């Protein structure tokens, strides 16, 4: 099970953008939950939004068994930054899960 934590939503001034952002991350949470469905540790997907005047900074973290994955993106458009962020974060997730699987198989043979 993957728990979604959204922080600093008050930084998003527009109510419509805030709802769109929440719905977007709920869909992404379902993707992460499906990808890690056989993972034996409960996971927390944490998303933090900061608005520095004209630029939104969105960061995401996920605690895995071996390490904590972190990634951040900046852009004027919140949804564009979110899309690019999750695209890169997905690559990190897949790479780390594969490394954990290989490590497990290596230790199992010993």
N, C-alpha and C. Protein backbone atom coordinates (compact mmCIF):
# COMPACT_ATOMS: atom_id res chain seq x y z
N UNK A 1 0.84 -1.19 0.00
CA UNK A 1 0.00 0.00 0.00
C UNK A 1 0.88 1.24 0.00
N UNK A 2 0.48 2.22 -0.77
CA UNK A 2 1.22 3.47 -0.88
C UNK A 2 0.36 4.59 -0.33
N UNK A 3 0.92 5.33 0.63
CA UNK A 3 0.22 6.46 1.23
C UNK A 3 0.73 7.74 0.55
N UNK A 4 -0.21 8.61 0.16
CA UNK A 4 0.14 9.86 -0.50
C UNK A 4 0.06 11.00 0.51
N UNK A 5 1.14 11.80 0.59
CA UNK A 5 1.16 12.97 1.47
C UNK A 5 1.48 14.19 0.62
N UNK A 6 0.54 15.13 0.55
CA UNK A 6 0.73 16.38 -0.19
C UNK A 6 0.96 17.50 0.82
N UNK A 7 2.06 18.22 0.68
CA UNK A 7 2.40 19.29 1.62
C UNK A 7 2.45 20.63 0.90
N UNK A 8 2.15 21.69 1.64
CA UNK A 8 2.19 23.07 1.16
C UNK A 8 1.23 23.33 0.01
N UNK A 9 0.04 22.74 0.05
CA UNK A 9 -0.94 22.99 -1.00
C UNK A 9 -1.44 24.43 -0.99
N UNK A 10 -1.29 25.11 0.13
CA UNK A 10 -1.71 26.51 0.19
C UNK A 10 -0.85 27.41 -0.69
N UNK A 11 0.31 26.92 -1.12
CA UNK A 11 1.19 27.66 -2.02
C UNK A 11 0.56 27.80 -3.41
N UNK A 12 -0.35 26.89 -3.76
CA UNK A 12 -1.05 26.96 -5.04
C UNK A 12 -2.23 27.90 -4.85
N UNK A 13 -2.18 29.05 -5.47
CA UNK A 13 -3.18 30.10 -5.22
C UNK A 13 -4.54 29.79 -5.83
N UNK A 14 -4.56 29.20 -7.00
CA UNK A 14 -5.79 28.94 -7.73
C UNK A 14 -6.43 27.63 -7.25
N UNK A 15 -7.69 27.68 -6.85
CA UNK A 15 -8.41 26.50 -6.34
C UNK A 15 -8.55 25.41 -7.41
N UNK A 16 -8.78 25.80 -8.65
CA UNK A 16 -8.92 24.84 -9.74
C UNK A 16 -7.59 24.11 -9.96
N UNK A 17 -6.49 24.85 -9.95
CA UNK A 17 -5.17 24.23 -10.11
C UNK A 17 -4.86 23.30 -8.95
N UNK A 18 -5.28 23.68 -7.76
CA UNK A 18 -5.06 22.84 -6.58
C UNK A 18 -5.79 21.51 -6.69
N UNK A 19 -7.06 21.55 -7.14
CA UNK A 19 -7.83 20.32 -7.32
C UNK A 19 -7.23 19.45 -8.44
N UNK A 20 -6.82 20.09 -9.52
CA UNK A 20 -6.21 19.36 -10.63
C UNK A 20 -4.90 18.70 -10.17
N UNK A 21 -4.14 19.41 -9.36
CA UNK A 21 -2.87 18.88 -8.82
C UNK A 21 -3.13 17.67 -7.92
N UNK A 22 -4.14 17.78 -7.04
CA UNK A 22 -4.48 16.65 -6.15
C UNK A 22 -4.92 15.43 -6.95
N UNK A 23 -5.79 15.63 -7.92
CA UNK A 23 -6.27 14.51 -8.74
C UNK A 23 -5.14 13.88 -9.55
N UNK A 24 -4.25 14.70 -10.04
CA UNK A 24 -3.11 14.20 -10.80
C UNK A 24 -2.25 13.29 -9.93
N UNK A 25 -1.97 13.72 -8.72
CA UNK A 25 -1.12 12.91 -7.84
C UNK A 25 -1.83 11.68 -7.31
N UNK A 26 -3.13 11.72 -7.22
CA UNK A 26 -3.87 10.51 -6.83
C UNK A 26 -3.71 9.43 -7.91
N UNK A 27 -3.77 9.84 -9.17
CA UNK A 27 -3.55 8.90 -10.25
C UNK A 27 -2.13 8.36 -10.26
N UNK A 28 -1.17 9.23 -9.97
CA UNK A 28 0.22 8.80 -9.91
C UNK A 28 0.45 7.86 -8.72
N UNK A 29 -0.25 8.08 -7.62
CA UNK A 29 -0.15 7.20 -6.45
C UNK A 29 -0.63 5.80 -6.82
N UNK A 30 -1.72 5.74 -7.59
CA UNK A 30 -2.24 4.43 -8.02
C UNK A 30 -1.22 3.72 -8.90
N UNK A 31 -0.52 4.46 -9.75
CA UNK A 31 0.51 3.86 -10.59
C UNK A 31 1.64 3.28 -9.72
N UNK A 32 2.10 4.06 -8.74
CA UNK A 32 3.17 3.60 -7.85
C UNK A 32 2.71 2.39 -7.04
N UNK A 33 1.46 2.42 -6.59
CA UNK A 33 0.93 1.29 -5.82
C UNK A 33 0.87 0.02 -6.68
N UNK A 34 0.48 0.15 -7.93
CA UNK A 34 0.43 -1.00 -8.82
C UNK A 34 1.84 -1.51 -9.12
N UNK A 35 2.79 -0.60 -9.29
CA UNK A 35 4.16 -0.99 -9.59
C UNK A 35 4.81 -1.73 -8.41
N UNK A 36 4.50 -1.30 -7.19
CA UNK A 36 5.07 -1.91 -5.99
C UNK A 36 4.07 -2.80 -5.27
N UNK A 37 3.18 -3.45 -5.99
CA UNK A 37 2.12 -4.24 -5.36
C UNK A 37 2.65 -5.43 -4.57
N UNK A 38 3.79 -5.99 -4.93
CA UNK A 38 4.36 -7.12 -4.20
C UNK A 38 5.49 -6.70 -3.26
N UNK A 39 5.62 -5.43 -3.02
CA UNK A 39 6.66 -4.90 -2.13
C UNK A 39 6.22 -5.13 -0.69
N UNK A 40 7.12 -5.60 0.16
CA UNK A 40 6.71 -5.99 1.50
C UNK A 40 6.79 -4.86 2.53
N UNK A 41 7.19 -3.67 2.15
CA UNK A 41 7.26 -2.54 3.06
C UNK A 41 6.19 -1.51 2.67
N UNK A 42 5.43 -0.98 3.63
CA UNK A 42 4.48 0.10 3.29
C UNK A 42 5.25 1.35 2.86
N UNK A 43 4.81 1.98 1.80
CA UNK A 43 5.52 3.11 1.22
C UNK A 43 4.74 4.40 1.41
N UNK A 44 5.47 5.51 1.50
CA UNK A 44 4.87 6.84 1.59
C UNK A 44 5.42 7.70 0.46
N UNK A 45 4.54 8.17 -0.38
CA UNK A 45 4.87 9.07 -1.48
C UNK A 45 4.60 10.48 -0.99
N UNK A 46 5.65 11.27 -0.82
CA UNK A 46 5.51 12.61 -0.26
C UNK A 46 5.80 13.65 -1.34
N UNK A 47 4.87 14.59 -1.53
CA UNK A 47 4.99 15.63 -2.55
C UNK A 47 4.94 16.98 -1.86
N UNK A 48 5.92 17.83 -2.17
CA UNK A 48 6.00 19.16 -1.57
C UNK A 48 6.00 20.20 -2.68
N UNK A 49 5.18 21.23 -2.51
CA UNK A 49 5.06 22.32 -3.49
C UNK A 49 5.55 23.61 -2.85
N UNK A 50 6.39 24.35 -3.57
CA UNK A 50 6.82 25.68 -3.14
C UNK A 50 6.63 26.64 -4.30
N UNK A 51 6.13 27.82 -3.98
CA UNK A 51 5.94 28.86 -4.99
C UNK A 51 6.87 30.01 -4.66
N UNK A 52 7.92 30.18 -5.46
CA UNK A 52 8.87 31.27 -5.26
C UNK A 52 8.57 32.38 -6.26
N UNK A 53 7.49 33.08 -6.03
CA UNK A 53 7.09 34.16 -6.93
C UNK A 53 6.51 33.64 -8.23
N UNK A 54 7.33 33.59 -9.26
CA UNK A 54 6.85 33.18 -10.58
C UNK A 54 7.06 31.69 -10.85
N UNK A 55 7.88 31.02 -10.06
CA UNK A 55 8.28 29.65 -10.35
C UNK A 55 7.76 28.70 -9.27
N UNK A 56 7.18 27.59 -9.73
CA UNK A 56 6.77 26.52 -8.82
C UNK A 56 7.89 25.50 -8.73
N UNK A 57 8.20 25.08 -7.52
CA UNK A 57 9.17 24.01 -7.31
C UNK A 57 8.41 22.84 -6.69
N UNK A 58 8.41 21.71 -7.38
CA UNK A 58 7.71 20.52 -6.92
C UNK A 58 8.76 19.45 -6.66
N UNK A 59 8.70 18.85 -5.47
CA UNK A 59 9.63 17.77 -5.15
C UNK A 59 8.85 16.57 -4.64
N UNK A 60 9.41 15.38 -4.89
CA UNK A 60 8.75 14.13 -4.51
C UNK A 60 9.79 13.22 -3.87
N UNK A 61 9.34 12.44 -2.87
CA UNK A 61 10.23 11.47 -2.24
C UNK A 61 9.46 10.18 -1.98
N UNK A 62 10.21 9.08 -1.95
CA UNK A 62 9.64 7.76 -1.71
C UNK A 62 10.67 6.95 -0.93
N UNK A 63 10.25 6.43 0.24
CA UNK A 63 11.15 5.61 1.06
C UNK A 63 11.06 4.16 0.64
N UNK A 64 12.17 3.65 0.13
CA UNK A 64 12.26 2.24 -0.21
C UNK A 64 13.11 1.55 0.86
N UNK A 65 13.29 0.24 0.71
CA UNK A 65 14.09 -0.50 1.69
C UNK A 65 15.55 -0.06 1.68
N UNK A 66 16.10 0.12 0.51
CA UNK A 66 17.53 0.39 0.41
C UNK A 66 17.87 1.88 0.55
N UNK A 67 17.02 2.76 0.07
CA UNK A 67 17.30 4.20 0.16
C UNK A 67 16.05 5.02 -0.09
N UNK A 68 16.18 6.31 0.13
CA UNK A 68 15.07 7.24 -0.10
C UNK A 68 15.29 7.91 -1.45
N UNK A 69 14.30 7.78 -2.33
CA UNK A 69 14.38 8.42 -3.65
C UNK A 69 13.86 9.84 -3.56
N UNK A 70 14.59 10.79 -4.14
CA UNK A 70 14.20 12.19 -4.15
C UNK A 70 14.36 12.75 -5.55
N UNK A 71 13.44 13.63 -5.93
CA UNK A 71 13.57 14.33 -7.20
C UNK A 71 12.79 15.63 -7.11
N UNK A 72 13.29 16.67 -7.79
CA UNK A 72 12.62 17.98 -7.78
C UNK A 72 12.68 18.60 -9.17
N UNK A 73 11.67 19.40 -9.48
CA UNK A 73 11.60 20.12 -10.76
C UNK A 73 11.07 21.53 -10.50
N UNK A 74 11.49 22.46 -11.36
CA UNK A 74 11.00 23.84 -11.31
C UNK A 74 10.43 24.23 -12.67
N UNK A 75 9.34 25.00 -12.63
CA UNK A 75 8.75 25.51 -13.87
C UNK A 75 7.73 26.58 -13.52
N UNK A 76 7.41 27.41 -14.49
CA UNK A 76 6.37 28.43 -14.30
C UNK A 76 5.00 27.78 -14.23
N UNK A 77 4.81 26.73 -15.02
CA UNK A 77 3.54 26.01 -15.06
C UNK A 77 3.61 24.82 -14.10
N UNK A 78 2.69 24.76 -13.16
CA UNK A 78 2.69 23.72 -12.13
C UNK A 78 2.51 22.33 -12.72
N UNK A 79 1.57 22.16 -13.63
CA UNK A 79 1.29 20.84 -14.18
C UNK A 79 2.41 20.36 -15.11
N UNK A 80 3.07 21.27 -15.79
CA UNK A 80 4.20 20.90 -16.64
C UNK A 80 5.35 20.39 -15.77
N UNK A 81 5.59 21.09 -14.66
CA UNK A 81 6.64 20.66 -13.73
C UNK A 81 6.30 19.30 -13.12
N UNK A 82 5.04 19.09 -12.79
CA UNK A 82 4.60 17.82 -12.21
C UNK A 82 4.76 16.67 -13.20
N UNK A 83 4.40 16.90 -14.42
CA UNK A 83 4.52 15.88 -15.46
C UNK A 83 5.97 15.48 -15.68
N UNK A 84 6.84 16.48 -15.83
CA UNK A 84 8.25 16.22 -16.04
C UNK A 84 8.87 15.53 -14.82
N UNK A 85 8.46 15.97 -13.65
CA UNK A 85 8.95 15.40 -12.39
C UNK A 85 8.62 13.92 -12.30
N UNK A 86 7.38 13.56 -12.56
CA UNK A 86 6.99 12.16 -12.40
C UNK A 86 7.61 11.28 -13.49
N UNK A 87 7.83 11.83 -14.65
CA UNK A 87 8.49 11.08 -15.72
C UNK A 87 9.90 10.68 -15.30
N UNK A 88 10.65 11.61 -14.76
CA UNK A 88 12.01 11.31 -14.30
C UNK A 88 12.00 10.44 -13.05
N UNK A 89 11.05 10.68 -12.17
CA UNK A 89 10.96 9.92 -10.92
C UNK A 89 10.62 8.46 -11.22
N UNK A 90 9.80 8.22 -12.22
CA UNK A 90 9.43 6.86 -12.61
C UNK A 90 10.67 6.08 -13.05
N UNK A 91 11.57 6.74 -13.78
CA UNK A 91 12.83 6.09 -14.19
C UNK A 91 13.66 5.71 -12.97
N UNK A 92 13.74 6.61 -11.99
CA UNK A 92 14.48 6.33 -10.76
C UNK A 92 13.88 5.15 -10.00
N UNK A 93 12.56 5.12 -9.91
CA UNK A 93 11.88 4.03 -9.20
C UNK A 93 12.20 2.69 -9.83
N UNK A 94 12.08 2.61 -11.14
CA UNK A 94 12.32 1.35 -11.84
C UNK A 94 13.76 0.90 -11.67
N UNK A 95 14.69 1.83 -11.77
CA UNK A 95 16.10 1.50 -11.64
C UNK A 95 16.39 0.98 -10.23
N UNK A 96 15.86 1.66 -9.20
CA UNK A 96 16.12 1.26 -7.83
C UNK A 96 15.47 -0.08 -7.49
N UNK A 97 14.29 -0.32 -7.99
CA UNK A 97 13.63 -1.60 -7.74
C UNK A 97 14.41 -2.73 -8.38
N UNK A 98 14.92 -2.51 -9.57
CA UNK A 98 15.73 -3.52 -10.24
C UNK A 98 17.02 -3.78 -9.47
N UNK A 99 17.66 -2.72 -8.95
CA UNK A 99 18.86 -2.91 -8.14
C UNK A 99 18.57 -3.71 -6.87
N UNK A 100 17.45 -3.43 -6.22
CA UNK A 100 17.07 -4.18 -5.03
C UNK A 100 16.80 -5.64 -5.37
N UNK A 101 16.18 -5.90 -6.50
CA UNK A 101 15.90 -7.27 -6.91
C UNK A 101 17.20 -8.03 -7.17
N UNK A 102 18.13 -7.38 -7.87
CA UNK A 102 19.42 -8.02 -8.14
C UNK A 102 20.19 -8.29 -6.85
N UNK A 103 20.16 -7.35 -5.94
CA UNK A 103 20.84 -7.53 -4.65
C UNK A 103 20.22 -8.70 -3.88
N UNK A 104 18.90 -8.79 -3.89
CA UNK A 104 18.20 -9.88 -3.22
C UNK A 104 18.60 -11.22 -3.81
N UNK A 105 18.61 -11.32 -5.13
CA UNK A 105 18.97 -12.58 -5.78
C UNK A 105 20.43 -12.95 -5.49
N UNK A 106 21.31 -11.97 -5.46
CA UNK A 106 22.71 -12.23 -5.17
C UNK A 106 22.88 -12.77 -3.74
N UNK A 107 22.20 -12.14 -2.77
CA UNK A 107 22.31 -12.57 -1.38
C UNK A 107 21.65 -13.93 -1.17
N UNK A 108 20.60 -14.21 -1.91
CA UNK A 108 19.88 -15.47 -1.76
C UNK A 108 20.75 -16.65 -2.19
N UNK A 109 21.59 -16.45 -3.19
CA UNK A 109 22.44 -17.51 -3.68
C UNK A 109 23.58 -17.82 -2.72
N UNK A 110 23.91 -16.93 -1.86
CA UNK A 110 25.04 -17.10 -0.94
C UNK A 110 24.66 -17.94 0.25
